[in-house]
Protein backbone atom coordinates (compact mmCIF):
# COMPACT_ATOMS: atom_id res chain seq x y z
CA UNK A 1 0.00 0.00 0.00
CA UNK A 2 2.93 2.34 0.58
CA UNK A 3 3.78 2.12 -3.12
CA UNK A 4 0.46 3.73 -4.06
CA UNK A 5 0.94 6.45 -1.44
CA UNK A 6 4.39 7.23 -2.83
CA UNK A 7 2.96 7.26 -6.35
CA UNK A 8 0.27 9.76 -5.37
CA UNK A 9 2.84 11.95 -3.61
CA UNK A 10 4.93 11.93 -6.79
CA UNK A 11 1.90 12.82 -8.93
CA UNK A 12 1.03 15.64 -6.54
CA UNK A 13 4.55 17.03 -6.71
CA UNK A 14 4.53 16.81 -10.50
CA UNK A 15 1.20 18.65 -10.63
CA UNK A 16 2.50 21.40 -8.34
CA UNK A 17 5.63 21.62 -10.50
CA UNK A 18 3.50 21.99 -13.65
CA UNK A 19 1.33 24.68 -12.05
CA UNK A 20 4.34 26.61 -10.75
CA UNK A 21 6.11 26.38 -14.11
CA UNK A 22 3.06 27.51 -16.05
CA UNK A 23 2.36 30.39 -13.70
CA UNK A 24 5.97 31.56 -13.62
CA UNK A 25 6.36 31.19 -17.39
CA UNK A 26 3.17 33.15 -18.01
CA UNK A 27 4.37 35.89 -15.72
CA UNK A 28 7.87 36.09 -17.28
CA UNK A 29 7.33 35.40 -20.99
CA UNK A 30 3.61 35.01 -21.51
CA UNK A 31 1.74 31.74 -21.85
CA UNK A 32 3.39 29.33 -24.29
CA UNK A 33 1.09 26.52 -25.27
CA UNK A 34 3.92 24.36 -26.65
CA UNK A 35 5.81 24.35 -23.35
CA UNK A 36 2.60 23.64 -21.46
CA UNK A 37 1.82 20.64 -23.70
CA UNK A 38 5.38 19.33 -23.39
CA UNK A 39 5.03 19.51 -19.60
CA UNK A 40 1.75 17.60 -19.72
CA UNK A 41 3.31 14.99 -22.02
CA UNK A 42 6.22 14.49 -19.61
CA UNK A 43 3.78 14.14 -16.72
CA UNK A 44 1.78 11.52 -18.62
CA UNK A 45 4.88 9.48 -19.50
CA UNK A 46 6.20 9.62 -15.93
CA UNK A 47 2.74 8.78 -14.58
CA UNK A 48 2.59 5.67 -16.77
CA UNK A 49 6.14 4.61 -15.91
CA UNK A 50 6.04 5.13 -12.17
CA UNK A 51 2.44 3.94 -12.05
CA UNK A 52 3.61 0.65 -13.52
CA UNK A 53 6.31 0.40 -10.84
CA UNK A 54 3.81 1.15 -8.06
CA UNK A 55 1.22 -1.27 -9.43
CA UNK A 56 3.79 -4.00 -9.90
CA UNK A 57 5.06 -3.53 -6.34
CA UNK A 58 1.52 -3.64 -5.00
CA UNK A 59 0.45 -6.74 -6.92
CA UNK A 60 3.74 -8.58 -6.42
CA UNK A 61 3.59 -7.78 -2.70
CA UNK A 62 0.56 -10.03 -2.40
CA UNK A 63 2.48 -13.06 -3.70
CA UNK A 64 6.15 -12.36 -2.97
CA UNK A 65 7.10 -11.36 0.57
CA UNK A 66 8.95 -8.06 0.62
CA UNK A 67 8.24 -7.21 -3.03
CA UNK A 68 6.47 -4.03 -2.00
CA UNK A 69 9.87 -2.61 -1.10
CA UNK A 70 10.43 -2.21 -4.85
CA UNK A 71 8.39 0.95 -4.36
CA UNK A 72 11.55 2.37 -2.83
CA UNK A 73 12.42 3.18 -6.43
CA UNK A 74 9.84 5.95 -6.16
CA UNK A 75 11.73 7.69 -3.36
CA UNK A 76 14.43 9.09 -5.65
CA UNK A 77 12.09 10.95 -8.04
CA UNK A 78 10.05 12.23 -5.10
CA UNK A 79 13.18 13.64 -3.48
CA UNK A 80 14.32 15.16 -6.80
CA UNK A 81 10.96 16.82 -7.48
CA UNK A 82 10.74 18.16 -3.94
CA UNK A 83 14.26 19.61 -4.18
CA UNK A 84 13.46 21.11 -7.58
CA UNK A 85 10.23 22.66 -6.29
CA UNK A 86 11.93 24.22 -3.30
CA UNK A 87 14.75 25.58 -5.46
CA UNK A 88 12.31 26.96 -8.04
CA UNK A 89 10.18 28.54 -5.33
CA UNK A 90 13.24 30.14 -3.76
CA UNK A 91 14.23 31.59 -7.14
CA UNK A 92 10.69 32.90 -7.70
CA UNK A 93 10.63 34.58 -4.31
CA UNK A 94 14.00 36.23 -4.94
CA UNK A 95 12.97 37.41 -8.43
CA UNK A 96 12.27 41.10 -8.75
CA UNK A 97 9.01 42.19 -10.33
CA UNK A 98 9.20 43.97 -13.68
PDB file of N, CA and C in Angstrom:
ATOM      1  N   UNK A   1       0.811  -1.193   0.000  1.00  0.00           N
ATOM      2  CA  UNK A   1       0.000   0.000   0.000  1.00  0.00           C
ATOM      3  C   UNK A   1       0.858   1.262   0.000  1.00  0.00           C
ATOM      4  N   UNK A   2       2.059   1.168   0.555  1.00  0.00           N
ATOM      5  CA  UNK A   2       2.932   2.339   0.584  1.00  0.00           C
ATOM      6  C   UNK A   2       3.334   2.760  -0.823  1.00  0.00           C
ATOM      7  N   UNK A   3       3.390   1.789  -1.752  1.00  0.00           N
ATOM      8  CA  UNK A   3       3.777   2.121  -3.119  1.00  0.00           C
ATOM      9  C   UNK A   3       2.751   3.054  -3.758  1.00  0.00           C
ATOM     10  N   UNK A   4       1.478   2.846  -3.497  1.00  0.00           N
ATOM     11  CA  UNK A   4       0.463   3.734  -4.059  1.00  0.00           C
ATOM     12  C   UNK A   4       0.519   5.113  -3.416  1.00  0.00           C
ATOM     13  N   UNK A   5       0.805   5.159  -2.122  1.00  0.00           N
ATOM     14  CA  UNK A   5       0.935   6.446  -1.444  1.00  0.00           C
ATOM     15  C   UNK A   5       2.101   7.242  -2.025  1.00  0.00           C
ATOM     16  N   UNK A   6       3.236   6.556  -2.246  1.00  0.00           N
ATOM     17  CA  UNK A   6       4.386   7.228  -2.833  1.00  0.00           C
ATOM     18  C   UNK A   6       4.076   7.703  -4.251  1.00  0.00           C
ATOM     19  N   UNK A   7       3.346   6.891  -4.990  1.00  0.00           N
ATOM     20  CA  UNK A   7       2.962   7.265  -6.351  1.00  0.00           C
ATOM     21  C   UNK A   7       2.089   8.518  -6.335  1.00  0.00           C
ATOM     22  N   UNK A   8       1.132   8.582  -5.438  1.00  0.00           N
ATOM     23  CA  UNK A   8       0.267   9.756  -5.366  1.00  0.00           C
ATOM     24  C   UNK A   8       1.024  10.996  -4.896  1.00  0.00           C
ATOM     25  N   UNK A   9       1.994  10.817  -4.022  1.00  0.00           N
ATOM     26  CA  UNK A   9       2.838  11.948  -3.610  1.00  0.00           C
ATOM     27  C   UNK A   9       3.615  12.460  -4.818  1.00  0.00           C
ATOM     28  N   UNK A  10       4.175  11.534  -5.600  1.00  0.00           N
ATOM     29  CA  UNK A  10       4.925  11.930  -6.792  1.00  0.00           C
ATOM     30  C   UNK A  10       4.026  12.654  -7.789  1.00  0.00           C
ATOM     31  N   UNK A  11       2.828  12.161  -7.999  1.00  0.00           N
ATOM     32  CA  UNK A  11       1.900  12.816  -8.933  1.00  0.00           C
ATOM     33  C   UNK A  11       1.508  14.208  -8.425  1.00  0.00           C
ATOM     34  N   UNK A  12       1.330  14.327  -7.111  1.00  0.00           N
ATOM     35  CA  UNK A  12       1.028  15.635  -6.538  1.00  0.00           C
ATOM     36  C   UNK A  12       2.165  16.623  -6.738  1.00  0.00           C
ATOM     37  N   UNK A  13       3.391  16.162  -6.509  1.00  0.00           N
ATOM     38  CA  UNK A  13       4.550  17.029  -6.706  1.00  0.00           C
ATOM     39  C   UNK A  13       4.696  17.432  -8.170  1.00  0.00           C
ATOM     40  N   UNK A  14       4.439  16.492  -9.072  1.00  0.00           N
ATOM     41  CA  UNK A  14       4.529  16.806 -10.503  1.00  0.00           C
ATOM     42  C   UNK A  14       3.457  17.821 -10.907  1.00  0.00           C
ATOM     43  N   UNK A  15       2.277  17.705 -10.332  1.00  0.00           N
ATOM     44  CA  UNK A  15       1.200  18.654 -10.633  1.00  0.00           C
ATOM     45  C   UNK A  15       1.557  20.046 -10.116  1.00  0.00           C
ATOM     46  N   UNK A  16       2.078  20.113  -8.909  1.00  0.00           N
ATOM     47  CA  UNK A  16       2.500  21.402  -8.345  1.00  0.00           C
ATOM     48  C   UNK A  16       3.613  21.998  -9.203  1.00  0.00           C
ATOM     49  N   UNK A  17       4.541  21.158  -9.648  1.00  0.00           N
ATOM     50  CA  UNK A  17       5.630  21.624 -10.503  1.00  0.00           C
ATOM     51  C   UNK A  17       5.076  22.193 -11.809  1.00  0.00           C
ATOM     52  N   UNK A  18       4.105  21.524 -12.401  1.00  0.00           N
ATOM     53  CA  UNK A  18       3.496  21.991 -13.650  1.00  0.00           C
ATOM     54  C   UNK A  18       2.784  23.328 -13.435  1.00  0.00           C
ATOM     55  N   UNK A  19       2.054  23.445 -12.349  1.00  0.00           N
ATOM     56  CA  UNK A  19       1.334  24.682 -12.055  1.00  0.00           C
ATOM     57  C   UNK A  19       2.303  25.840 -11.812  1.00  0.00           C
ATOM     58  N   UNK A  20       3.356  25.568 -11.022  1.00  0.00           N
ATOM     59  CA  UNK A  20       4.344  26.611 -10.755  1.00  0.00           C
ATOM     60  C   UNK A  20       5.046  27.037 -12.038  1.00  0.00           C
ATOM     61  N   UNK A  21       5.423  26.069 -12.864  1.00  0.00           N
ATOM     62  CA  UNK A  21       6.107  26.385 -14.112  1.00  0.00           C
ATOM     63  C   UNK A  21       5.230  27.178 -15.060  1.00  0.00           C
ATOM     64  N   UNK A  22       3.979  26.791 -15.171  1.00  0.00           N
ATOM     65  CA  UNK A  22       3.060  27.507 -16.052  1.00  0.00           C
ATOM     66  C   UNK A  22       2.817  28.927 -15.552  1.00  0.00           C
ATOM     67  N   UNK A  23       2.609  29.065 -14.274  1.00  0.00           N
ATOM     68  CA  UNK A  23       2.358  30.390 -13.698  1.00  0.00           C
ATOM     69  C   UNK A  23       3.578  31.291 -13.853  1.00  0.00           C
ATOM     70  N   UNK A  24       4.734  30.762 -13.520  1.00  0.00           N
ATOM     71  CA  UNK A  24       5.965  31.558 -13.622  1.00  0.00           C
ATOM     72  C   UNK A  24       6.275  31.904 -15.073  1.00  0.00           C
ATOM     73  N   UNK A  25       6.109  30.935 -15.979  1.00  0.00           N
ATOM     74  CA  UNK A  25       6.363  31.186 -17.394  1.00  0.00           C
ATOM     75  C   UNK A  25       5.413  32.220 -17.962  1.00  0.00           C
ATOM     76  N   UNK A  26       4.158  32.169 -17.547  1.00  0.00           N
ATOM     77  CA  UNK A  26       3.169  33.146 -18.009  1.00  0.00           C
ATOM     78  C   UNK A  26       3.533  34.536 -17.506  1.00  0.00           C
ATOM     79  N   UNK A  27       3.994  34.607 -16.295  1.00  0.00           N
ATOM     80  CA  UNK A  27       4.374  35.894 -15.716  1.00  0.00           C
ATOM     81  C   UNK A  27       5.616  36.470 -16.406  1.00  0.00           C
ATOM     82  N   UNK A  28       6.611  35.618 -16.701  1.00  0.00           N
ATOM     83  CA  UNK A  28       7.873  36.088 -17.282  1.00  0.00           C
ATOM     84  C   UNK A  28       7.779  36.333 -18.787  1.00  0.00           C
ATOM     85  N   UNK A  29       7.255  35.351 -19.530  1.00  0.00           N
ATOM     86  CA  UNK A  29       7.325  35.398 -20.989  1.00  0.00           C
ATOM     87  C   UNK A  29       5.965  35.396 -21.664  1.00  0.00           C
ATOM     88  N   UNK A  30       4.927  35.206 -20.917  1.00  0.00           N
ATOM     89  CA  UNK A  30       3.611  35.014 -21.515  1.00  0.00           C
ATOM     90  C   UNK A  30       3.360  33.519 -21.684  1.00  0.00           C
ATOM     91  N   UNK A  31       2.100  33.160 -21.762  1.00  0.00           N
ATOM     92  CA  UNK A  31       1.741  31.741 -21.853  1.00  0.00           C
ATOM     93  C   UNK A  31       2.225  31.168 -23.180  1.00  0.00           C
ATOM     94  N   UNK A  32       2.912  30.033 -23.094  1.00  0.00           N
ATOM     95  CA  UNK A  32       3.385  29.335 -24.291  1.00  0.00           C
ATOM     96  C   UNK A  32       2.771  27.942 -24.307  1.00  0.00           C
ATOM     97  N   UNK A  33       1.846  27.775 -25.200  1.00  0.00           N
ATOM     98  CA  UNK A  33       1.086  26.523 -25.270  1.00  0.00           C
ATOM     99  C   UNK A  33       1.989  25.314 -25.519  1.00  0.00           C
ATOM    100  N   UNK A  34       3.023  25.479 -26.333  1.00  0.00           N
ATOM    101  CA  UNK A  34       3.919  24.362 -26.650  1.00  0.00           C
ATOM    102  C   UNK A  34       4.616  23.842 -25.398  1.00  0.00           C
ATOM    103  N   UNK A  35       5.131  24.761 -24.581  1.00  0.00           N
ATOM    104  CA  UNK A  35       5.807  24.348 -23.349  1.00  0.00           C
ATOM    105  C   UNK A  35       4.836  23.694 -22.385  1.00  0.00           C
ATOM    106  N   UNK A  36       3.612  24.216 -22.331  1.00  0.00           N
ATOM    107  CA  UNK A  36       2.600  23.639 -21.462  1.00  0.00           C
ATOM    108  C   UNK A  36       2.280  22.201 -21.890  1.00  0.00           C
ATOM    109  N   UNK A  37       2.117  21.985 -23.191  1.00  0.00           N
ATOM    110  CA  UNK A  37       1.815  20.643 -23.700  1.00  0.00           C
ATOM    111  C   UNK A  37       2.983  19.686 -23.489  1.00  0.00           C
ATOM    112  N   UNK A  38       4.207  20.176 -23.639  1.00  0.00           N
ATOM    113  CA  UNK A  38       5.378  19.332 -23.386  1.00  0.00           C
ATOM    114  C   UNK A  38       5.410  18.908 -21.920  1.00  0.00           C
ATOM    115  N   UNK A  39       5.090  19.837 -21.026  1.00  0.00           N
ATOM    116  CA  UNK A  39       5.034  19.508 -19.600  1.00  0.00           C
ATOM    117  C   UNK A  39       3.977  18.462 -19.295  1.00  0.00           C
ATOM    118  N   UNK A  40       2.808  18.597 -19.911  1.00  0.00           N
ATOM    119  CA  UNK A  40       1.751  17.596 -19.716  1.00  0.00           C
ATOM    120  C   UNK A  40       2.158  16.239 -20.273  1.00  0.00           C
ATOM    121  N   UNK A  41       2.838  16.245 -21.415  1.00  0.00           N
ATOM    122  CA  UNK A  41       3.310  14.994 -22.018  1.00  0.00           C
ATOM    123  C   UNK A  41       4.311  14.302 -21.085  1.00  0.00           C
ATOM    124  N   UNK A  42       5.243  15.061 -20.540  1.00  0.00           N
ATOM    125  CA  UNK A  42       6.218  14.493 -19.610  1.00  0.00           C
ATOM    126  C   UNK A  42       5.525  13.911 -18.380  1.00  0.00           C
ATOM    127  N   UNK A  43       4.523  14.649 -17.876  1.00  0.00           N
ATOM    128  CA  UNK A  43       3.782  14.144 -16.715  1.00  0.00           C
ATOM    129  C   UNK A  43       3.081  12.832 -17.041  1.00  0.00           C
ATOM    130  N   UNK A  44       2.493  12.738 -18.224  1.00  0.00           N
ATOM    131  CA  UNK A  44       1.785  11.522 -18.619  1.00  0.00           C
ATOM    132  C   UNK A  44       2.740  10.344 -18.727  1.00  0.00           C
ATOM    133  N   UNK A  45       3.899  10.559 -19.350  1.00  0.00           N
ATOM    134  CA  UNK A  45       4.881   9.484 -19.496  1.00  0.00           C
ATOM    135  C   UNK A  45       5.388   9.027 -18.133  1.00  0.00           C
ATOM    136  N   UNK A  46       5.718   9.975 -17.267  1.00  0.00           N
ATOM    137  CA  UNK A  46       6.195   9.620 -15.927  1.00  0.00           C
ATOM    138  C   UNK A  46       5.098   8.941 -15.116  1.00  0.00           C
ATOM    139  N   UNK A  47       3.868   9.391 -15.285  1.00  0.00           N
ATOM    140  CA  UNK A  47       2.742   8.777 -14.581  1.00  0.00           C
ATOM    141  C   UNK A  47       2.597   7.315 -14.990  1.00  0.00           C
ATOM    142  N   UNK A  48       2.696   7.048 -16.281  1.00  0.00           N
ATOM    143  CA  UNK A  48       2.589   5.669 -16.767  1.00  0.00           C
ATOM    144  C   UNK A  48       3.747   4.830 -16.250  1.00  0.00           C
ATOM    145  N   UNK A  49       4.956   5.365 -16.342  1.00  0.00           N
ATOM    146  CA  UNK A  49       6.138   4.611 -15.912  1.00  0.00           C
ATOM    147  C   UNK A  49       6.154   4.311 -14.423  1.00  0.00           C
ATOM    148  N   UNK A  50       6.003   5.335 -13.618  1.00  0.00           N
ATOM    149  CA  UNK A  50       6.037   5.126 -12.174  1.00  0.00           C
ATOM    150  C   UNK A  50       4.765   4.459 -11.670  1.00  0.00           C
ATOM    151  N   UNK A  51       3.669   4.661 -12.387  1.00  0.00           N
ATOM    152  CA  UNK A  51       2.436   3.944 -12.049  1.00  0.00           C
ATOM    153  C   UNK A  51       2.609   2.445 -12.234  1.00  0.00           C
ATOM    154  N   UNK A  52       3.326   2.068 -13.292  1.00  0.00           N
ATOM    155  CA  UNK A  52       3.605   0.648 -13.525  1.00  0.00           C
ATOM    156  C   UNK A  52       4.472   0.078 -12.403  1.00  0.00           C
ATOM    157  N   UNK A  53       5.455   0.857 -11.956  1.00  0.00           N
ATOM    158  CA  UNK A  53       6.306   0.400 -10.844  1.00  0.00           C
ATOM    159  C   UNK A  53       5.474   0.226  -9.577  1.00  0.00           C
ATOM    160  N   UNK A  54       4.628   1.214  -9.279  1.00  0.00           N
ATOM    161  CA  UNK A  54       3.805   1.148  -8.065  1.00  0.00           C
ATOM    162  C   UNK A  54       2.809  -0.001  -8.133  1.00  0.00           C
ATOM    163  N   UNK A  55       2.180  -0.187  -9.281  1.00  0.00           N
ATOM    164  CA  UNK A  55       1.217  -1.267  -9.431  1.00  0.00           C
ATOM    165  C   UNK A  55       1.890  -2.630  -9.348  1.00  0.00           C
ATOM    166  N   UNK A  56       3.050  -2.744  -9.965  1.00  0.00           N
ATOM    167  CA  UNK A  56       3.794  -4.002  -9.896  1.00  0.00           C
ATOM    168  C   UNK A  56       4.184  -4.317  -8.456  1.00  0.00           C
ATOM    169  N   UNK A  57       4.672  -3.309  -7.746  1.00  0.00           N
ATOM    170  CA  UNK A  57       5.064  -3.529  -6.345  1.00  0.00           C
ATOM    171  C   UNK A  57       3.863  -3.931  -5.506  1.00  0.00           C
ATOM    172  N   UNK A  58       2.729  -3.319  -5.769  1.00  0.00           N
ATOM    173  CA  UNK A  58       1.523  -3.639  -5.004  1.00  0.00           C
ATOM    174  C   UNK A  58       1.049  -5.056  -5.290  1.00  0.00           C
ATOM    175  N   UNK A  59       0.951  -5.407  -6.557  1.00  0.00           N
ATOM    176  CA  UNK A  59       0.454  -6.737  -6.916  1.00  0.00           C
ATOM    177  C   UNK A  59       1.448  -7.837  -6.560  1.00  0.00           C
ATOM    178  N   UNK A  60       2.730  -7.575  -6.761  1.00  0.00           N
ATOM    179  CA  UNK A  60       3.739  -8.581  -6.420  1.00  0.00           C
ATOM    180  C   UNK A  60       3.839  -8.749  -4.913  1.00  0.00           C
ATOM    181  N   UNK A  61       3.529  -7.705  -4.165  1.00  0.00           N
ATOM    182  CA  UNK A  61       3.589  -7.776  -2.704  1.00  0.00           C
ATOM    183  C   UNK A  61       2.604  -8.775  -2.119  1.00  0.00           C
ATOM    184  N   UNK A  62       1.536  -9.055  -2.875  1.00  0.00           N
ATOM    185  CA  UNK A  62       0.561 -10.033  -2.399  1.00  0.00           C
ATOM    186  C   UNK A  62       1.080 -11.465  -2.512  1.00  0.00           C
ATOM    187  N   UNK A  63       1.999 -11.703  -3.440  1.00  0.00           N
ATOM    188  CA  UNK A  63       2.479 -13.056  -3.704  1.00  0.00           C
ATOM    189  C   UNK A  63       3.926 -13.288  -3.285  1.00  0.00           C
ATOM    190  N   UNK A  64       4.729 -12.241  -3.306  1.00  0.00           N
ATOM    191  CA  UNK A  64       6.150 -12.365  -2.968  1.00  0.00           C
ATOM    192  C   UNK A  64       6.414 -11.510  -1.734  1.00  0.00           C
ATOM    193  N   UNK A  65       6.828 -12.136  -0.637  1.00  0.00           N
ATOM    194  CA  UNK A  65       7.102 -11.359   0.575  1.00  0.00           C
ATOM    195  C   UNK A  65       8.208 -10.325   0.338  1.00  0.00           C
ATOM    196  N   UNK A  66       7.957  -9.121   0.728  1.00  0.00           N
ATOM    197  CA  UNK A  66       8.949  -8.060   0.618  1.00  0.00           C
ATOM    198  C   UNK A  66       9.009  -7.390  -0.745  1.00  0.00           C
ATOM    199  N   UNK A  67       8.188  -7.800  -1.687  1.00  0.00           N
ATOM    200  CA  UNK A  67       8.243  -7.211  -3.028  1.00  0.00           C
ATOM    201  C   UNK A  67       7.746  -5.768  -3.033  1.00  0.00           C
ATOM    202  N   UNK A  68       6.976  -5.396  -2.045  1.00  0.00           N
ATOM    203  CA  UNK A  68       6.470  -4.028  -2.002  1.00  0.00           C
ATOM    204  C   UNK A  68       7.606  -3.029  -1.786  1.00  0.00           C
ATOM    205  N   UNK A  69       8.749  -3.512  -1.315  1.00  0.00           N
ATOM    206  CA  UNK A  69       9.872  -2.612  -1.105  1.00  0.00           C
ATOM    207  C   UNK A  69      10.471  -2.133  -2.425  1.00  0.00           C
ATOM    208  N   UNK A  70      10.031  -2.703  -3.533  1.00  0.00           N
ATOM    209  CA  UNK A  70      10.427  -2.206  -4.849  1.00  0.00           C
ATOM    210  C   UNK A  70       9.942  -0.770  -5.007  1.00  0.00           C
ATOM    211  N   UNK A  71       8.901  -0.420  -4.286  1.00  0.00           N
ATOM    212  CA  UNK A  71       8.388   0.946  -4.358  1.00  0.00           C
ATOM    213  C   UNK A  71       9.409   1.955  -3.844  1.00  0.00           C
ATOM    214  N   UNK A  72      10.464   1.481  -3.227  1.00  0.00           N
ATOM    215  CA  UNK A  72      11.547   2.371  -2.826  1.00  0.00           C
ATOM    216  C   UNK A  72      12.172   3.078  -4.017  1.00  0.00           C
ATOM    217  N   UNK A  73      11.959   2.517  -5.214  1.00  0.00           N
ATOM    218  CA  UNK A  73      12.424   3.178  -6.428  1.00  0.00           C
ATOM    219  C   UNK A  73      11.734   4.523  -6.634  1.00  0.00           C
ATOM    220  N   UNK A  74      10.581   4.687  -6.021  1.00  0.00           N
ATOM    221  CA  UNK A  74       9.844   5.946  -6.160  1.00  0.00           C
ATOM    222  C   UNK A  74      10.396   7.045  -5.260  1.00  0.00           C
ATOM    223  N   UNK A  75      11.218   6.678  -4.284  1.00  0.00           N
ATOM    224  CA  UNK A  75      11.732   7.688  -3.358  1.00  0.00           C
ATOM    225  C   UNK A  75      12.666   8.677  -4.042  1.00  0.00           C
ATOM    226  N   UNK A  76      13.485   8.206  -4.978  1.00  0.00           N
ATOM    227  CA  UNK A  76      14.429   9.090  -5.653  1.00  0.00           C
ATOM    228  C   UNK A  76      13.720  10.182  -6.449  1.00  0.00           C
ATOM    229  N   UNK A  77      12.748   9.851  -7.317  1.00  0.00           N
ATOM    230  CA  UNK A  77      12.086  10.945  -8.043  1.00  0.00           C
ATOM    231  C   UNK A  77      11.304  11.885  -7.129  1.00  0.00           C
ATOM    232  N   UNK A  78      10.766  11.369  -6.044  1.00  0.00           N
ATOM    233  CA  UNK A  78      10.048  12.231  -5.103  1.00  0.00           C
ATOM    234  C   UNK A  78      11.021  13.230  -4.476  1.00  0.00           C
ATOM    235  N   UNK A  79      12.181  12.752  -4.074  1.00  0.00           N
ATOM    236  CA  UNK A  79      13.180  13.640  -3.483  1.00  0.00           C
ATOM    237  C   UNK A  79      13.665  14.665  -4.505  1.00  0.00           C
ATOM    238  N   UNK A  80      13.864  14.228  -5.752  1.00  0.00           N
ATOM    239  CA  UNK A  80      14.315  15.159  -6.798  1.00  0.00           C
ATOM    240  C   UNK A  80      13.264  16.238  -7.078  1.00  0.00           C
ATOM    241  N   UNK A  81      12.008  15.836  -7.210  1.00  0.00           N
ATOM    242  CA  UNK A  81      10.959  16.817  -7.479  1.00  0.00           C
ATOM    243  C   UNK A  81      10.804  17.785  -6.316  1.00  0.00           C
ATOM    244  N   UNK A  82      10.864  17.286  -5.096  1.00  0.00           N
ATOM    245  CA  UNK A  82      10.740  18.158  -3.936  1.00  0.00           C
ATOM    246  C   UNK A  82      11.873  19.170  -3.911  1.00  0.00           C
ATOM    247  N   UNK A  83      13.106  18.708  -4.154  1.00  0.00           N
ATOM    248  CA  UNK A  83      14.262  19.608  -4.182  1.00  0.00           C
ATOM    249  C   UNK A  83      14.109  20.634  -5.291  1.00  0.00           C
ATOM    250  N   UNK A  84      13.656  20.201  -6.459  1.00  0.00           N
ATOM    251  CA  UNK A  84      13.459  21.114  -7.582  1.00  0.00           C
ATOM    252  C   UNK A  84      12.387  22.150  -7.255  1.00  0.00           C
ATOM    253  N   UNK A  85      11.292  21.717  -6.636  1.00  0.00           N
ATOM    254  CA  UNK A  85      10.226  22.659  -6.292  1.00  0.00           C
ATOM    255  C   UNK A  85      10.698  23.705  -5.297  1.00  0.00           C
ATOM    256  N   UNK A  86      11.436  23.274  -4.303  1.00  0.00           N
ATOM    257  CA  UNK A  86      11.927  24.215  -3.298  1.00  0.00           C
ATOM    258  C   UNK A  86      12.910  25.200  -3.926  1.00  0.00           C
ATOM    259  N   UNK A  87      13.791  24.703  -4.788  1.00  0.00           N
ATOM    260  CA  UNK A  87      14.750  25.576  -5.463  1.00  0.00           C
ATOM    261  C   UNK A  87      14.041  26.562  -6.378  1.00  0.00           C
ATOM    262  N   UNK A  88      13.068  26.082  -7.153  1.00  0.00           N
ATOM    263  CA  UNK A  88      12.307  26.963  -8.038  1.00  0.00           C
ATOM    264  C   UNK A  88      11.529  28.011  -7.245  1.00  0.00           C
ATOM    265  N   UNK A  89      10.933  27.600  -6.159  1.00  0.00           N
ATOM    266  CA  UNK A  89      10.177  28.539  -5.329  1.00  0.00           C
ATOM    267  C   UNK A  89      11.098  29.596  -4.739  1.00  0.00           C
ATOM    268  N   UNK A  90      12.274  29.180  -4.308  1.00  0.00           N
ATOM    269  CA  UNK A  90      13.235  30.140  -3.762  1.00  0.00           C
ATOM    270  C   UNK A  90      13.659  31.145  -4.829  1.00  0.00           C
ATOM    271  N   UNK A  91      13.874  30.674  -6.061  1.00  0.00           N
ATOM    272  CA  UNK A  91      14.230  31.585  -7.144  1.00  0.00           C
ATOM    273  C   UNK A  91      13.085  32.535  -7.472  1.00  0.00           C
ATOM    274  N   UNK A  92      11.848  32.039  -7.433  1.00  0.00           N
ATOM    275  CA  UNK A  92      10.694  32.896  -7.704  1.00  0.00           C
ATOM    276  C   UNK A  92      10.529  33.970  -6.651  1.00  0.00           C
ATOM    277  N   UNK A  93      10.776  33.609  -5.411  1.00  0.00           N
ATOM    278  CA  UNK A  93      10.629  34.581  -4.315  1.00  0.00           C
ATOM    279  C   UNK A  93      11.710  35.648  -4.406  1.00  0.00           C
ATOM    280  N   UNK A  94      12.911  35.269  -4.833  1.00  0.00           N
ATOM    281  CA  UNK A  94      14.001  36.232  -4.941  1.00  0.00           C
ATOM    282  C   UNK A  94      13.941  37.059  -6.213  1.00  0.00           C
ATOM    283  N   UNK A  95      13.082  36.693  -7.150  1.00  0.00           N
ATOM    284  CA  UNK A  95      12.969  37.414  -8.433  1.00  0.00           C
ATOM    285  C   UNK A  95      12.310  38.772  -8.207  1.00  0.00           C
ATOM    286  N   UNK A  96      12.867  39.762  -8.852  1.00  0.00           N
ATOM    287  CA  UNK A  96      12.273  41.097  -8.750  1.00  0.00           C
ATOM    288  C   UNK A  96      11.169  41.227  -9.789  1.00  0.00           C
ATOM    289  N   UNK A  97      10.127  41.944  -9.410  1.00  0.00           N
ATOM    290  CA  UNK A  97       9.014  42.186 -10.334  1.00  0.00           C
ATOM    291  C   UNK A  97       9.453  43.167 -11.405  1.00  0.00           C
ATOM    292  N   UNK A  98       8.850  43.064 -12.583  1.00  0.00           N
ATOM    293  CA  UNK A  98       9.199  43.967 -13.679  1.00  0.00           C
ATOM    294  C   UNK A  98       8.733  45.370 -13.403  1.00  0.00           C
TER     295      UNK A  98
END
